[in-house]
Amino acid sequence: GAMSDVDEMSFEDAIKELEQVVGQLERGDVALDASIALYERGAALKARCEAKLKEAEEKVAKITLSPDGQPSGTAPLDG
């Protein structure tokens, strides 16, 4: 089937597919031209995962803790 657009993937989907790509490359049962395409796909997936992680880190960095250790500046979790 057609591969989904890496730029639209969630972190979970990207990391899952990246693991599959790495597994296929490690087994070495892929033709050379296919393995080059897989490798490129893997590189794109890895970049996607890193971008999503950075995004998450920035979100976490925006959460500030008040003196009593409670997050402030975000909606309460028990809405």
Protein backbone atom coordinates (compact mmCIF):
# COMPACT_ATOMS: atom_id res chain seq x y z
CA GLY A 1 0.00 0.00 0.00
CA ALA A 2 0.93 3.64 -0.23
CA MET A 3 3.06 4.87 2.62
CA SER A 4 1.47 7.54 4.75
CA ASP A 5 2.93 11.04 4.74
CA VAL A 6 5.61 11.20 7.42
CA ASP A 7 4.80 14.87 8.12
CA GLU A 8 1.27 13.89 9.17
CA MET A 9 2.28 11.06 11.50
CA SER A 10 2.04 11.04 15.26
CA PHE A 11 5.16 10.25 17.26
CA GLU A 12 3.75 6.80 18.08
CA ASP A 13 3.07 5.96 14.43
CA ALA A 14 6.44 7.26 13.28
CA ILE A 15 8.40 5.35 15.91
CA LYS A 16 6.43 2.15 15.21
CA GLU A 17 7.15 2.34 11.50
CA LEU A 18 10.76 3.33 12.12
CA GLU A 19 11.21 0.15 14.16
CA GLN A 20 9.76 -1.89 11.28
CA VAL A 21 12.06 -0.17 8.78
CA VAL A 22 15.12 -0.80 10.96
CA GLY A 23 14.06 -4.43 11.40
CA GLN A 24 13.76 -4.96 7.64
CA LEU A 25 17.13 -3.34 7.00
CA GLU A 26 18.77 -5.43 9.74
CA ARG A 27 17.36 -8.70 8.36
CA GLY A 28 18.85 -7.76 4.99
CA ASP A 29 16.07 -9.46 3.04
CA VAL A 30 15.34 -6.33 1.02
CA ALA A 31 16.63 -5.69 -2.51
CA LEU A 32 19.22 -2.92 -2.78
CA ASP A 33 16.98 -0.36 -4.48
CA ALA A 34 14.22 -1.10 -1.97
CA SER A 35 16.65 -0.83 0.94
CA ILE A 36 17.78 2.60 -0.29
CA ALA A 37 14.13 3.73 -0.35
CA LEU A 38 13.61 2.16 3.09
CA TYR A 39 16.69 3.89 4.43
CA GLU A 40 15.41 7.25 3.17
CA ARG A 41 12.02 6.52 4.69
CA GLY A 42 13.72 5.62 7.96
CA ALA A 43 15.68 8.88 7.93
CA ALA A 44 12.46 10.84 7.41
CA LEU A 45 10.73 8.92 10.21
CA LYS A 46 13.66 9.52 12.55
CA ALA A 47 13.57 13.25 11.78
CA ARG A 48 9.82 13.23 12.43
CA CYS A 49 10.30 11.53 15.81
CA GLU A 50 12.99 14.03 16.77
CA ALA A 51 10.78 16.96 15.73
CA LYS A 52 7.84 15.62 17.76
CA LEU A 53 10.09 15.07 20.79
CA LYS A 54 11.41 18.63 20.53
CA GLU A 55 7.81 19.88 20.29
CA ALA A 56 6.92 17.93 23.45
CA GLU A 57 9.97 19.25 25.28
CA GLU A 58 9.02 22.81 24.39
CA LYS A 59 5.49 22.21 25.68
CA VAL A 60 6.87 20.81 28.92
CA ALA A 61 9.28 23.74 29.22
CA LYS A 62 6.30 26.12 29.03
CA ILE A 63 4.70 24.52 32.08
CA THR A 64 5.89 26.48 35.08
CA LEU A 65 5.61 25.23 38.63
CA SER A 66 4.32 27.47 41.38
CA PRO A 67 6.18 27.55 44.75
CA ASP A 68 4.04 24.72 46.15
CA GLY A 69 4.94 22.50 43.18
CA GLN A 70 1.63 22.79 41.35
CA PRO A 71 1.75 23.42 37.60
CA SER A 72 0.52 26.85 36.70
CA GLY A 73 -0.25 28.24 33.28
CA THR A 74 -2.00 25.07 32.15
CA ALA A 75 -5.58 23.92 32.49
CA PRO A 76 -6.28 21.85 35.59
CA LEU A 77 -6.10 18.12 34.90
CA ASP A 78 -9.23 17.26 36.88
CA GLY A 79 -11.70 19.30 34.85
